[in-house]
Each structure stands twice: as C-alpha cells, then as structure tokens.
C-alpha atoms as a PDB file:
ATOM      1  CA  MET A   1       3.836  38.975   6.509  1.00  0.00           C
ATOM      2  CA  SER A   2       5.546  38.148   3.202  1.00  0.00           C
ATOM      3  CA  THR A   3       7.041  35.007   1.751  1.00  0.00           C
ATOM      4  CA  PRO A   4       9.512  34.537  -1.101  1.00  0.00           C
ATOM      5  CA  ILE A   5       7.904  33.800  -4.454  1.00  0.00           C
ATOM      6  CA  HIS A   6      10.823  31.756  -5.826  1.00  0.00           C
ATOM      7  CA  THR A   7      14.297  30.716  -4.867  1.00  0.00           C
ATOM      8  CA  SER A   8      17.267  30.732  -7.189  1.00  0.00           C
ATOM      9  CA  GLY A   9      20.211  28.414  -7.546  1.00  0.00           C
ATOM     10  CA  ILE A  10      22.078  30.886  -9.751  1.00  0.00           C
ATOM     11  CA  ASP A  11      25.684  31.408  -8.657  1.00  0.00           C
ATOM     12  CA  PRO A  12      26.470  35.042  -9.579  1.00  0.00           C
ATOM     13  CA  ILE A  13      30.250  34.504  -9.486  1.00  0.00           C
ATOM     14  CA  ALA A  14      30.135  31.503 -11.825  1.00  0.00           C
ATOM     15  CA  LEU A  15      27.686  33.301 -14.113  1.00  0.00           C
ATOM     16  CA  THR A  16      29.946  36.373 -14.215  1.00  0.00           C
ATOM     17  CA  ARG A  17      32.860  34.151 -15.276  1.00  0.00           C
ATOM     18  CA  GLU A  18      30.775  32.617 -18.069  1.00  0.00           C
ATOM     19  CA  LEU A  19      29.519  35.971 -19.326  1.00  0.00           C
ATOM     20  CA  VAL A  20      32.926  37.656 -19.211  1.00  0.00           C
ATOM     21  CA  ASN A  21      34.358  34.827 -21.320  1.00  0.00           C
ATOM     22  CA  ILE A  22      31.871  35.615 -24.117  1.00  0.00           C
ATOM     23  CA  GLU A  23      33.193  38.213 -26.549  1.00  0.00           C
ATOM     24  CA  SER A  24      30.507  40.881 -26.885  1.00  0.00           C
ATOM     25  CA  THR A  25      31.984  44.251 -27.701  1.00  0.00           C
ATOM     26  CA  THR A  26      29.623  47.069 -28.649  1.00  0.00           C
ATOM     27  CA  TYR A  27      27.613  46.295 -31.820  1.00  0.00           C
ATOM     28  CA  HIS A  28      28.782  42.649 -31.610  1.00  0.00           C
ATOM     29  CA  GLU A  29      26.931  41.510 -28.488  1.00  0.00           C
ATOM     30  CA  ALA A  30      24.760  38.767 -30.040  1.00  0.00           C
ATOM     31  CA  PRO A  31      26.824  35.883 -28.567  1.00  0.00           C
ATOM     32  CA  ALA A  32      26.116  37.162 -25.032  1.00  0.00           C
ATOM     33  CA  GLY A  33      22.468  37.675 -25.933  1.00  0.00           C
ATOM     34  CA  HIS A  34      22.120  34.122 -27.263  1.00  0.00           C
ATOM     35  CA  PHE A  35      23.770  32.751 -24.125  1.00  0.00           C
ATOM     36  CA  LEU A  36      21.481  34.761 -21.827  1.00  0.00           C
ATOM     37  CA  TYR A  37      18.390  33.814 -23.809  1.00  0.00           C
ATOM     38  CA  GLU A  38      19.130  30.090 -23.455  1.00  0.00           C
ATOM     39  CA  PHE A  39      20.299  30.396 -19.848  1.00  0.00           C
ATOM     40  CA  LEU A  40      17.139  32.227 -18.799  1.00  0.00           C
ATOM     41  CA  LEU A  41      14.899  29.707 -20.581  1.00  0.00           C
ATOM     42  CA  GLU A  42      16.659  26.926 -18.656  1.00  0.00           C
ATOM     43  CA  GLN A  43      15.990  28.834 -15.421  1.00  0.00           C
ATOM     44  CA  GLY A  44      12.252  28.821 -16.152  1.00  0.00           C
ATOM     45  CA  TYR A  45      11.856  32.414 -17.308  1.00  0.00           C
ATOM     46  CA  GLU A  46       9.655  33.488 -20.192  1.00  0.00           C
ATOM     47  CA  VAL A  47      12.183  35.105 -22.519  1.00  0.00           C
ATOM     48  CA  GLU A  48      11.975  37.216 -25.654  1.00  0.00           C
ATOM     49  CA  LYS A  49      14.478  38.778 -28.015  1.00  0.00           C
ATOM     50  CA  GLN A  50      13.727  42.397 -28.904  1.00  0.00           C
ATOM     51  CA  PRO A  51      15.485  43.335 -32.176  1.00  0.00           C
ATOM     52  CA  VAL A  52      17.822  46.333 -32.151  1.00  0.00           C
ATOM     53  CA  PRO A  53      19.025  47.748 -35.482  1.00  0.00           C
ATOM     54  CA  GLN A  54      22.705  48.077 -36.259  1.00  0.00           C
ATOM     55  CA  PRO A  55      23.883  51.665 -36.742  1.00  0.00           C
ATOM     56  CA  ASP A  56      24.878  53.019 -40.141  1.00  0.00           C
ATOM     57  CA  LEU A  57      28.399  51.717 -40.815  1.00  0.00           C
ATOM     58  CA  ALA A  58      29.254  54.900 -42.706  1.00  0.00           C
ATOM     59  CA  THR A  59      28.808  56.981 -39.559  1.00  0.00           C
ATOM     60  CA  THR A  60      29.694  54.470 -36.818  1.00  0.00           C
ATOM     61  CA  PRO A  61      33.290  53.271 -36.705  1.00  0.00           C
ATOM     62  CA  GLY A  62      33.388  49.711 -35.391  1.00  0.00           C
ATOM     63  CA  GLY A  63      29.702  49.183 -36.094  1.00  0.00           C
ATOM     64  CA  GLY A  64      28.587  45.660 -36.792  1.00  0.00           C
ATOM     65  CA  THR A  65      26.550  43.832 -39.384  1.00  0.00           C
ATOM     66  CA  GLY A  66      25.327  40.925 -37.253  1.00  0.00           C
ATOM     67  CA  GLU A  67      22.208  40.380 -35.228  1.00  0.00           C
ATOM     68  CA  ARG A  68      21.523  42.693 -32.266  1.00  0.00           C
ATOM     69  CA  PHE A  69      18.758  42.362 -29.726  1.00  0.00           C
ATOM     70  CA  ASN A  70      17.759  43.071 -26.164  1.00  0.00           C
ATOM     71  CA  VAL A  71      16.859  40.142 -23.923  1.00  0.00           C
ATOM     72  CA  TYR A  72      13.687  40.562 -21.869  1.00  0.00           C
ATOM     73  CA  ALA A  73      12.839  37.934 -19.279  1.00  0.00           C
ATOM     74  CA  ALA A  74      10.132  37.605 -16.664  1.00  0.00           C
ATOM     75  CA  MET A  75       9.077  34.820 -14.361  1.00  0.00           C
ATOM     76  CA  ALA A  76       6.440  32.675 -16.039  1.00  0.00           C
ATOM     77  CA  GLY A  77       2.932  33.892 -15.297  1.00  0.00           C
ATOM     78  CA  VAL A  78       4.118  37.008 -13.449  1.00  0.00           C
ATOM     79  CA  THR A  79       3.655  40.578 -14.638  1.00  0.00           C
ATOM     80  CA  PRO A  80       6.592  42.359 -13.023  1.00  0.00           C
ATOM     81  CA  ASP A  81       6.114  45.541 -11.024  1.00  0.00           C
ATOM     82  CA  VAL A  82       9.858  46.209 -11.239  1.00  0.00           C
ATOM     83  CA  VAL A  83      12.166  45.461 -14.170  1.00  0.00           C
ATOM     84  CA  LEU A  84      15.926  45.362 -13.671  1.00  0.00           C
ATOM     85  CA  SER A  85      17.919  46.606 -16.637  1.00  0.00           C
ATOM     86  CA  THR A  86      21.515  46.819 -17.785  1.00  0.00           C
ATOM     87  CA  HIS A  87      23.494  46.173 -20.978  1.00  0.00           C
ATOM     88  CA  MET A  88      25.554  43.223 -22.192  1.00  0.00           C
ATOM     89  CA  ASP A  89      28.107  44.860 -24.474  1.00  0.00           C
ATOM     90  CA  THR A  90      31.632  45.802 -23.440  1.00  0.00           C
ATOM     91  CA  VAL A  91      34.228  48.181 -24.807  1.00  0.00           C
ATOM     92  CA  PRO A  92      36.970  46.705 -26.980  1.00  0.00           C
ATOM     93  CA  PRO A  93      39.334  45.012 -26.828  1.00  0.00           C
ATOM     94  CA  PHE A  94      37.891  41.767 -25.532  1.00  0.00           C
ATOM     95  CA  PHE A  95      39.745  39.902 -22.835  1.00  0.00           C
ATOM     96  CA  GLY A  96      38.288  37.035 -20.881  1.00  0.00           C
ATOM     97  CA  CYS A  97      37.976  36.334 -17.198  1.00  0.00           C
ATOM     98  CA  THR A  98      40.921  35.808 -14.891  1.00  0.00           C
ATOM     99  CA  GLU A  99      40.886  35.827 -11.119  1.00  0.00           C
ATOM    100  CA  ASP A 100      42.963  35.786  -7.990  1.00  0.00           C
ATOM    101  CA  ASP A 101      41.997  34.854  -4.445  1.00  0.00           C
ATOM    102  CA  GLU A 102      39.803  37.926  -4.119  1.00  0.00           C
ATOM    103  CA  PHE A 103      38.657  39.370  -7.448  1.00  0.00           C
ATOM    104  CA  LEU A 104      37.487  38.535 -10.959  1.00  0.00           C
ATOM    105  CA  TYR A 105      39.072  40.495 -13.816  1.00  0.00           C
ATOM    106  CA  GLY A 106      38.077  40.933 -17.449  1.00  0.00           C
ATOM    107  CA  ARG A 107      35.827  43.044 -19.662  1.00  0.00           C
ATOM    108  CA  GLY A 108      32.428  43.263 -18.083  1.00  0.00           C
ATOM    109  CA  THR A 109      33.229  42.009 -14.591  1.00  0.00           C
ATOM    110  CA  CYS A 110      31.821  45.189 -13.042  1.00  0.00           C
ATOM    111  CA  ASP A 111      30.179  46.818 -16.083  1.00  0.00           C
ATOM    112  CA  ALA A 112      27.905  45.187 -16.950  1.00  0.00           C
ATOM    113  CA  LYS A 113      28.138  41.391 -17.081  1.00  0.00           C
ATOM    114  CA  GLY A 114      28.743  41.202 -13.343  1.00  0.00           C
ATOM    115  CA  ILE A 115      25.655  43.387 -12.937  1.00  0.00           C
ATOM    116  CA  ILE A 116      23.597  40.927 -14.994  1.00  0.00           C
ATOM    117  CA  ALA A 117      24.862  38.055 -12.862  1.00  0.00           C
ATOM    118  CA  ALA A 118      24.017  39.965  -9.675  1.00  0.00           C
ATOM    119  CA  GLN A 119      20.521  40.888 -10.871  1.00  0.00           C
ATOM    120  CA  LEU A 120      19.350  37.404 -11.864  1.00  0.00           C
ATOM    121  CA  PRO A 121      19.345  35.871  -8.369  1.00  0.00           C
ATOM    122  CA  ARG A 122      17.286  38.845  -7.156  1.00  0.00           C
ATOM    123  CA  ARG A 123      14.108  36.936  -7.830  1.00  0.00           C
ATOM    124  CA  THR A 124      14.806  35.333  -4.443  1.00  0.00           C
ATOM    125  CA  VAL A 125      13.938  38.608  -2.713  1.00  0.00           C
ATOM    126  CA  CYS A 126      10.679  39.170  -4.538  1.00  0.00           C
ATOM    127  CA  VAL A 127       7.865  38.875  -2.058  1.00  0.00           C
ATOM    128  CA  ARG A 128       4.155  38.275  -2.220  1.00  0.00           C
ATOM    129  CA  PRO A 129       1.975  39.850   0.489  1.00  0.00           C
ATOM    130  CA  GLU A 130      -0.058  37.309   2.447  1.00  0.00           C
END
C-alpha cells in the first residue's frame, strides 16, 4: 500500500496564466526564472539557480546579455528518483495570456510554460511505499 508524500495547492491554470504573462523569449528568460525561483521557495521546495552562459552575440542573432540560469527544485529533504524537466523560454514575439471559455492563449501556453504549471502539482502523485 502507498500513501501520498505531499499534497499541492498549486492551480496549474492560474500558474500558466502568470507564467505566460512573463516575457521570456529565448536568451531573455531570466524574468521567468526569477519568478519560478521565488514561487518554488514559497511552495517549500529547495531551489537552486544553475548558471547558463549567454551565446556569442557575434554568431547568435537575438542573443542576450542578461542573466541566464536553469531552475532546479526538489522537495526539502528528498532525493528525487525522477526529475521532471522542460524549458521556460518562448519564441518571439512575446504576447501575453488571453482566454475564452475553453482555452488559454499566448506564448508558452502549451510549450512550455503550461508544461511547467502541469508538472509542479505532480508532487501530489509521488508515493512512499509502506
């Protein structure tokens, strides 16, 4: 028999809206990273920023000069057996979230900010053997 380790009050639809409204085109994704870092800390995760270098501007049109980093988070005191991964940048141009009665629209709703928002509540299905 197994029992859930943790439950999550994360609303993936609301989180998708928030993430999609953060401009984070490729090479300029730090604002989304900062948001996720703080959000995950507030959720009780242990969080770290893993620096990622910017590409050479001479060979990368649209490259950036600002901070870049991956966000790695794990539940406090838990060494994960499985790590879920995606990205937080989107293709230009940026446009924020809109919605109708059925769908959310905007850069990142299905690739990959919506994926981030769908992955975070997954800690509710983690189980510990008894």
